[in-house]
Amino acid sequence: MSLGLETAQQEWTESHRRLEGEARDPARYEALMQGFEAITAELRRRVGHTFTLAELAAAYGDAERWSRDAVAASGAPAGWARSLALVEGAAFHAYARGAVDYAP
């Protein structure tokens, strides 16, 4: 595994952990999940259903450019931009499980 992929996966795992920690506040968690779902849908469009972790990491390198637009278009509630990195990383974490070379 390349250092870049390993670093990305660590970031994704940390974002997932932090997102799950937000479940204590149902209203905030629901708002975060809206952004998470918007990014996941955009990943489906950009990466597809058959992909490798390296391909997903390449999409992650470019995600800042398109994830903001995806979440904004979803009608996310005010203040969503402050948690963009969190939902972005968590969405990549979840999506990585579908990679053809994913190993838990």
N, C-alpha and C. Protein backbone atom coordinates (compact mmCIF):
# COMPACT_ATOMS: atom_id res chain seq x y z
N MET A 1 0.85 -1.18 0.00
CA MET A 1 0.00 0.00 0.00
C MET A 1 0.90 1.24 0.00
N SER A 2 0.57 2.19 -0.83
CA SER A 2 1.37 3.40 -0.91
C SER A 2 1.13 4.27 0.32
N LEU A 3 2.12 5.09 0.62
CA LEU A 3 2.02 5.99 1.77
C LEU A 3 0.83 6.94 1.61
N GLY A 4 0.60 7.43 0.39
CA GLY A 4 -0.53 8.33 0.15
C GLY A 4 -1.87 7.66 0.43
N LEU A 5 -2.00 6.41 0.00
CA LEU A 5 -3.25 5.68 0.23
C LEU A 5 -3.41 5.39 1.72
N GLU A 6 -2.32 5.01 2.37
CA GLU A 6 -2.39 4.72 3.80
C GLU A 6 -2.80 5.97 4.59
N THR A 7 -2.23 7.10 4.24
CA THR A 7 -2.57 8.36 4.90
C THR A 7 -4.04 8.72 4.66
N ALA A 8 -4.49 8.57 3.42
CA ALA A 8 -5.89 8.86 3.09
C ALA A 8 -6.81 7.97 3.91
N GLN A 9 -6.51 6.68 3.98
CA GLN A 9 -7.37 5.77 4.74
C GLN A 9 -7.39 6.13 6.22
N GLN A 10 -6.27 6.58 6.76
CA GLN A 10 -6.26 7.01 8.16
C GLN A 10 -7.16 8.23 8.34
N GLU A 11 -7.11 9.16 7.41
CA GLU A 11 -7.98 10.34 7.47
C GLU A 11 -9.45 9.92 7.37
N TRP A 12 -9.74 9.00 6.48
CA TRP A 12 -11.12 8.53 6.31
C TRP A 12 -11.64 7.87 7.58
N THR A 13 -10.80 7.04 8.19
CA THR A 13 -11.19 6.33 9.41
C THR A 13 -11.45 7.31 10.54
N GLU A 14 -10.58 8.30 10.67
CA GLU A 14 -10.76 9.31 11.72
C GLU A 14 -12.04 10.11 11.49
N SER A 15 -12.32 10.47 10.26
CA SER A 15 -13.55 11.21 9.95
C SER A 15 -14.77 10.36 10.28
N HIS A 16 -14.73 9.10 9.94
CA HIS A 16 -15.84 8.19 10.25
C HIS A 16 -16.06 8.13 11.77
N ARG A 17 -14.99 7.99 12.52
CA ARG A 17 -15.09 7.93 13.98
C ARG A 17 -15.71 9.21 14.54
N ARG A 18 -15.25 10.35 14.03
CA ARG A 18 -15.79 11.63 14.48
C ARG A 18 -17.26 11.79 14.10
N LEU A 19 -17.62 11.37 12.89
CA LEU A 19 -19.01 11.47 12.45
C LEU A 19 -19.91 10.63 13.36
N GLU A 20 -19.49 9.42 13.64
CA GLU A 20 -20.29 8.56 14.51
C GLU A 20 -20.42 9.16 15.91
N GLY A 21 -19.42 9.89 16.36
CA GLY A 21 -19.48 10.57 17.65
C GLY A 21 -20.53 11.66 17.69
N GLU A 22 -20.86 12.20 16.54
CA GLU A 22 -21.87 13.25 16.44
C GLU A 22 -23.30 12.71 16.60
N ALA A 23 -23.47 11.40 16.60
CA ALA A 23 -24.80 10.80 16.72
C ALA A 23 -25.47 11.14 18.06
N ARG A 24 -24.69 11.61 19.03
CA ARG A 24 -25.26 12.03 20.32
C ARG A 24 -26.19 13.22 20.17
N ASP A 25 -26.00 13.99 19.10
CA ASP A 25 -26.83 15.16 18.83
C ASP A 25 -27.61 14.87 17.55
N PRO A 26 -28.83 14.33 17.68
CA PRO A 26 -29.58 13.88 16.50
C PRO A 26 -29.77 14.94 15.42
N ALA A 27 -30.01 16.17 15.79
CA ALA A 27 -30.23 17.22 14.78
C ALA A 27 -28.95 17.49 14.00
N ARG A 28 -27.85 17.60 14.71
CA ARG A 28 -26.56 17.82 14.03
C ARG A 28 -26.19 16.62 13.17
N TYR A 29 -26.39 15.43 13.71
CA TYR A 29 -26.05 14.21 12.98
C TYR A 29 -26.85 14.12 11.68
N GLU A 30 -28.12 14.46 11.75
CA GLU A 30 -28.97 14.42 10.56
C GLU A 30 -28.46 15.41 9.50
N ALA A 31 -28.06 16.59 9.93
CA ALA A 31 -27.52 17.59 9.00
C ALA A 31 -26.21 17.09 8.38
N LEU A 32 -25.35 16.49 9.19
CA LEU A 32 -24.09 15.95 8.68
C LEU A 32 -24.35 14.81 7.68
N MET A 33 -25.33 13.99 7.99
CA MET A 33 -25.64 12.86 7.10
C MET A 33 -26.14 13.33 5.74
N GLN A 34 -26.77 14.48 5.69
CA GLN A 34 -27.20 15.02 4.41
C GLN A 34 -25.98 15.28 3.51
N GLY A 35 -24.95 15.89 4.09
CA GLY A 35 -23.72 16.12 3.33
C GLY A 35 -23.03 14.81 2.98
N PHE A 36 -22.99 13.89 3.91
CA PHE A 36 -22.40 12.57 3.69
C PHE A 36 -23.07 11.88 2.51
N GLU A 37 -24.38 11.91 2.47
CA GLU A 37 -25.13 11.25 1.39
C GLU A 37 -24.90 11.95 0.05
N ALA A 38 -24.78 13.26 0.07
CA ALA A 38 -24.52 14.00 -1.18
C ALA A 38 -23.15 13.62 -1.74
N ILE A 39 -22.16 13.51 -0.89
CA ILE A 39 -20.82 13.15 -1.35
C ILE A 39 -20.79 11.69 -1.80
N THR A 40 -21.46 10.82 -1.10
CA THR A 40 -21.52 9.42 -1.50
C THR A 40 -22.17 9.27 -2.87
N ALA A 41 -23.24 10.00 -3.12
CA ALA A 41 -23.89 9.95 -4.43
C ALA A 41 -22.96 10.45 -5.52
N GLU A 42 -22.20 11.49 -5.22
CA GLU A 42 -21.26 12.02 -6.21
C GLU A 42 -20.11 11.04 -6.45
N LEU A 43 -19.70 10.33 -5.40
CA LEU A 43 -18.68 9.29 -5.57
C LEU A 43 -19.18 8.19 -6.52
N ARG A 44 -20.42 7.79 -6.36
CA ARG A 44 -21.00 6.78 -7.25
C ARG A 44 -20.91 7.24 -8.70
N ARG A 45 -21.17 8.51 -8.91
CA ARG A 45 -21.14 9.06 -10.27
C ARG A 45 -19.71 9.15 -10.79
N ARG A 46 -18.79 9.59 -9.95
CA ARG A 46 -17.42 9.83 -10.39
C ARG A 46 -16.55 8.57 -10.43
N VAL A 47 -16.70 7.70 -9.45
CA VAL A 47 -15.83 6.53 -9.32
C VAL A 47 -16.52 5.28 -9.85
N GLY A 48 -17.83 5.23 -9.73
CA GLY A 48 -18.57 4.06 -10.20
C GLY A 48 -18.69 3.00 -9.12
N HIS A 49 -19.12 1.83 -9.55
CA HIS A 49 -19.36 0.74 -8.60
C HIS A 49 -18.19 -0.23 -8.54
N THR A 50 -17.35 -0.26 -9.57
CA THR A 50 -16.18 -1.13 -9.59
C THR A 50 -14.95 -0.24 -9.60
N PHE A 51 -14.17 -0.29 -8.52
CA PHE A 51 -13.03 0.59 -8.37
C PHE A 51 -12.04 -0.02 -7.40
N THR A 52 -10.81 0.49 -7.43
CA THR A 52 -9.79 0.08 -6.47
C THR A 52 -9.61 1.19 -5.43
N LEU A 53 -8.93 0.85 -4.37
CA LEU A 53 -8.63 1.87 -3.35
C LEU A 53 -7.75 2.97 -3.92
N ALA A 54 -6.84 2.63 -4.82
CA ALA A 54 -5.99 3.65 -5.44
C ALA A 54 -6.83 4.62 -6.27
N GLU A 55 -7.82 4.11 -6.98
CA GLU A 55 -8.70 4.98 -7.75
C GLU A 55 -9.52 5.88 -6.83
N LEU A 56 -9.95 5.32 -5.71
CA LEU A 56 -10.71 6.11 -4.75
C LEU A 56 -9.82 7.19 -4.13
N ALA A 57 -8.58 6.85 -3.82
CA ALA A 57 -7.65 7.83 -3.26
C ALA A 57 -7.37 8.94 -4.26
N ALA A 58 -7.33 8.61 -5.55
CA ALA A 58 -7.14 9.65 -6.57
C ALA A 58 -8.32 10.61 -6.57
N ALA A 59 -9.53 10.07 -6.43
CA ALA A 59 -10.72 10.92 -6.36
C ALA A 59 -10.68 11.79 -5.10
N TYR A 60 -10.14 11.25 -4.02
CA TYR A 60 -10.03 12.00 -2.77
C TYR A 60 -9.10 13.19 -2.93
N GLY A 61 -8.05 13.00 -3.69
CA GLY A 61 -7.11 14.09 -3.93
C GLY A 61 -7.74 15.27 -4.64
N ASP A 62 -8.81 15.02 -5.35
CA ASP A 62 -9.50 16.06 -6.12
C ASP A 62 -10.85 16.45 -5.50
N ALA A 63 -11.20 15.82 -4.37
CA ALA A 63 -12.54 15.97 -3.80
C ALA A 63 -12.87 17.38 -3.33
N GLU A 64 -11.88 18.09 -2.86
CA GLU A 64 -12.17 19.44 -2.36
C GLU A 64 -12.82 20.29 -3.45
N ARG A 65 -12.42 20.03 -4.69
CA ARG A 65 -12.94 20.80 -5.82
C ARG A 65 -14.43 20.53 -6.06
N TRP A 66 -14.86 19.28 -5.93
CA TRP A 66 -16.24 18.96 -6.29
C TRP A 66 -17.17 18.68 -5.10
N SER A 67 -16.63 18.31 -3.94
CA SER A 67 -17.50 17.95 -2.82
C SER A 67 -18.30 19.15 -2.31
N ARG A 68 -17.70 20.32 -2.32
CA ARG A 68 -18.40 21.53 -1.87
C ARG A 68 -19.65 21.76 -2.73
N ASP A 69 -19.50 21.62 -4.04
CA ASP A 69 -20.65 21.81 -4.95
C ASP A 69 -21.72 20.75 -4.72
N ALA A 70 -21.29 19.50 -4.48
CA ALA A 70 -22.25 18.41 -4.27
C ALA A 70 -23.08 18.66 -3.02
N VAL A 71 -22.43 19.07 -1.93
CA VAL A 71 -23.16 19.31 -0.68
C VAL A 71 -24.05 20.54 -0.82
N ALA A 72 -23.56 21.59 -1.44
CA ALA A 72 -24.36 22.80 -1.62
C ALA A 72 -25.62 22.50 -2.43
N ALA A 73 -25.47 21.69 -3.46
CA ALA A 73 -26.62 21.34 -4.31
C ALA A 73 -27.64 20.47 -3.59
N SER A 74 -27.23 19.83 -2.51
CA SER A 74 -28.14 18.96 -1.77
C SER A 74 -29.11 19.73 -0.89
N GLY A 75 -28.90 21.04 -0.77
CA GLY A 75 -29.76 21.84 0.09
C GLY A 75 -29.42 21.68 1.55
N ALA A 76 -28.17 21.39 1.84
CA ALA A 76 -27.73 21.20 3.22
C ALA A 76 -28.03 22.46 4.03
N PRO A 77 -28.28 22.29 5.33
CA PRO A 77 -28.61 23.45 6.18
C PRO A 77 -27.43 24.41 6.34
N ALA A 78 -27.74 25.60 6.77
CA ALA A 78 -26.72 26.63 6.99
C ALA A 78 -25.60 26.11 7.87
N GLY A 79 -24.39 26.54 7.56
CA GLY A 79 -23.24 26.15 8.35
C GLY A 79 -22.58 24.86 7.91
N TRP A 80 -23.09 24.23 6.87
CA TRP A 80 -22.57 22.92 6.45
C TRP A 80 -21.09 22.98 6.05
N ALA A 81 -20.63 24.11 5.54
CA ALA A 81 -19.25 24.21 5.04
C ALA A 81 -18.22 23.97 6.15
N ARG A 82 -18.57 24.27 7.38
CA ARG A 82 -17.63 24.05 8.49
C ARG A 82 -17.34 22.58 8.73
N SER A 83 -18.21 21.70 8.30
CA SER A 83 -18.01 20.27 8.53
C SER A 83 -17.78 19.50 7.23
N LEU A 84 -17.43 20.22 6.17
CA LEU A 84 -17.22 19.56 4.88
C LEU A 84 -16.14 18.49 4.95
N ALA A 85 -15.00 18.79 5.55
CA ALA A 85 -13.91 17.80 5.62
C ALA A 85 -14.34 16.55 6.38
N LEU A 86 -15.13 16.75 7.42
CA LEU A 86 -15.61 15.62 8.22
C LEU A 86 -16.48 14.69 7.39
N VAL A 87 -17.51 15.23 6.74
CA VAL A 87 -18.42 14.37 5.98
C VAL A 87 -17.74 13.82 4.73
N GLU A 88 -16.83 14.57 4.17
CA GLU A 88 -16.09 14.10 3.00
C GLU A 88 -15.27 12.85 3.36
N GLY A 89 -14.49 12.94 4.43
CA GLY A 89 -13.68 11.80 4.85
C GLY A 89 -14.52 10.60 5.23
N ALA A 90 -15.63 10.84 5.93
CA ALA A 90 -16.50 9.74 6.33
C ALA A 90 -17.15 9.07 5.12
N ALA A 91 -17.50 9.85 4.11
CA ALA A 91 -18.09 9.28 2.90
C ALA A 91 -17.07 8.41 2.17
N PHE A 92 -15.84 8.87 2.10
CA PHE A 92 -14.79 8.06 1.47
C PHE A 92 -14.54 6.79 2.27
N HIS A 93 -14.59 6.89 3.58
CA HIS A 93 -14.41 5.70 4.44
C HIS A 93 -15.47 4.65 4.11
N ALA A 94 -16.70 5.08 4.06
CA ALA A 94 -17.79 4.15 3.77
C ALA A 94 -17.68 3.59 2.36
N TYR A 95 -17.36 4.44 1.41
CA TYR A 95 -17.29 4.01 0.02
C TYR A 95 -16.14 3.04 -0.21
N ALA A 96 -15.05 3.18 0.54
CA ALA A 96 -13.88 2.32 0.39
C ALA A 96 -14.22 0.85 0.59
N ARG A 97 -15.21 0.57 1.37
CA ARG A 97 -15.60 -0.81 1.65
C ARG A 97 -16.08 -1.54 0.40
N GLY A 98 -16.42 -0.79 -0.63
CA GLY A 98 -16.87 -1.40 -1.88
C GLY A 98 -15.75 -1.61 -2.90
N ALA A 99 -14.53 -1.22 -2.54
CA ALA A 99 -13.40 -1.36 -3.47
C ALA A 99 -13.10 -2.84 -3.71
N VAL A 100 -12.70 -3.16 -4.92
CA VAL A 100 -12.40 -4.56 -5.26
C VAL A 100 -11.22 -5.10 -4.46
N ASP A 101 -10.35 -4.22 -3.98
CA ASP A 101 -9.19 -4.65 -3.21
C ASP A 101 -9.28 -4.27 -1.73
N TYR A 102 -10.50 -3.99 -1.25
CA TYR A 102 -10.69 -3.63 0.15
C TYR A 102 -10.45 -4.85 1.04
N ALA A 103 -9.71 -4.64 2.10
CA ALA A 103 -9.50 -5.69 3.11
C ALA A 103 -9.65 -5.04 4.48
N PRO A 104 -10.57 -5.52 5.29
CA PRO A 104 -10.79 -4.91 6.62
C PRO A 104 -9.56 -5.00 7.52
